[in-house]
Amino acid sequence: MNNLRETPVGGTAKVVKIHGEGAVKRRIMDMGITKGVEIYVRKVAPLGDPIEVTVRGYELSLRKADAENIEVE
């Protein structure tokens, strides 16, 4: 299993599944990250948190903990 946090900068990944419970999963989905969507990793902060991505045409910053809940291929 690969997660979004492991995707290299400049890489594109397709969402397979979102892990997590209740509010965490709902918040990720409310940001437009749903099964089948393509995510482009733009950059990662020097200490690795947060991760800046482009999803559905807009830029988004995700915490490492949230990125680990997003399974990609």
Protein backbone atom coordinates (compact mmCIF):
# COMPACT_ATOMS: atom_id res chain seq x y z
CA MET A 1 0.00 0.00 0.00
CA ASN A 2 1.28 3.44 -0.95
CA ASN A 3 0.00 6.60 0.66
CA LEU A 4 0.06 10.19 -0.52
CA ARG A 5 2.87 11.08 1.89
CA GLU A 6 5.20 8.66 0.05
CA THR A 7 4.50 10.23 -3.36
CA PRO A 8 7.58 12.21 -4.53
CA VAL A 9 7.47 15.93 -5.29
CA GLY A 10 6.42 16.42 -8.91
CA GLY A 11 4.62 13.09 -8.92
CA THR A 12 0.98 12.41 -9.68
CA ALA A 13 -1.08 9.81 -7.87
CA LYS A 14 -4.62 8.46 -8.18
CA VAL A 15 -6.68 8.02 -5.00
CA VAL A 16 -7.65 4.40 -4.34
CA LYS A 17 -9.12 4.68 -0.84
CA ILE A 18 -9.36 7.06 2.09
CA HIS A 19 -8.69 5.55 5.50
CA GLY A 20 -9.68 7.08 8.81
CA GLU A 21 -12.80 7.45 10.87
CA GLY A 22 -15.72 9.85 10.90
CA ALA A 23 -14.74 13.51 10.97
CA VAL A 24 -11.21 12.97 9.63
CA LYS A 25 -12.41 11.04 6.57
CA ARG A 26 -15.29 13.50 6.01
CA ARG A 27 -12.92 16.51 6.14
CA ILE A 28 -10.58 14.95 3.56
CA MET A 29 -13.52 14.19 1.26
CA ASP A 30 -14.93 17.72 1.74
CA MET A 31 -11.62 19.08 0.37
CA GLY A 32 -12.35 17.29 -2.92
CA ILE A 33 -10.14 14.27 -2.35
CA THR A 34 -12.31 11.33 -3.32
CA LYS A 35 -11.76 7.90 -4.85
CA GLY A 36 -10.44 8.09 -8.43
CA VAL A 37 -9.25 11.72 -8.34
CA GLU A 38 -5.71 12.60 -9.52
CA ILE A 39 -3.45 14.46 -7.06
CA TYR A 40 -0.26 16.27 -8.11
CA VAL A 41 2.33 16.80 -5.34
CA ARG A 42 3.67 20.34 -5.78
CA LYS A 43 6.05 20.66 -2.84
CA VAL A 44 6.81 19.49 0.66
CA ALA A 45 7.82 21.81 3.50
CA PRO A 46 11.44 21.49 4.73
CA LEU A 47 10.42 19.46 7.78
CA GLY A 48 7.92 17.43 5.76
CA ASP A 49 4.76 19.07 7.10
CA PRO A 50 2.61 20.27 5.36
CA ILE A 51 2.47 18.84 1.84
CA GLU A 52 1.21 21.13 -0.92
CA VAL A 53 -0.84 19.40 -3.62
CA THR A 54 -3.02 20.30 -6.60
CA VAL A 55 -6.37 18.53 -6.73
CA ARG A 56 -9.32 19.29 -9.04
CA GLY A 57 -7.56 22.43 -10.31
CA TYR A 58 -6.85 24.10 -6.97
CA GLU A 59 -3.97 24.10 -4.51
CA LEU A 60 -4.33 22.50 -1.12
CA SER A 61 -2.07 21.96 1.89
CA LEU A 62 -2.34 18.70 3.82
CA ARG A 63 -0.81 17.63 7.10
CA LYS A 64 1.39 14.54 7.03
CA ALA A 65 -1.11 12.67 9.22
CA ASP A 66 -3.91 13.35 6.73
CA ALA A 67 -1.72 12.43 3.73
CA GLU A 68 -0.97 9.06 5.35
CA ASN A 69 -4.71 8.28 5.37
CA ILE A 70 -4.95 8.67 1.59
CA GLU A 71 -4.10 5.42 -0.23
CA VAL A 72 -2.88 6.01 -3.80
CA GLU A 73 -1.58 4.10 -6.82
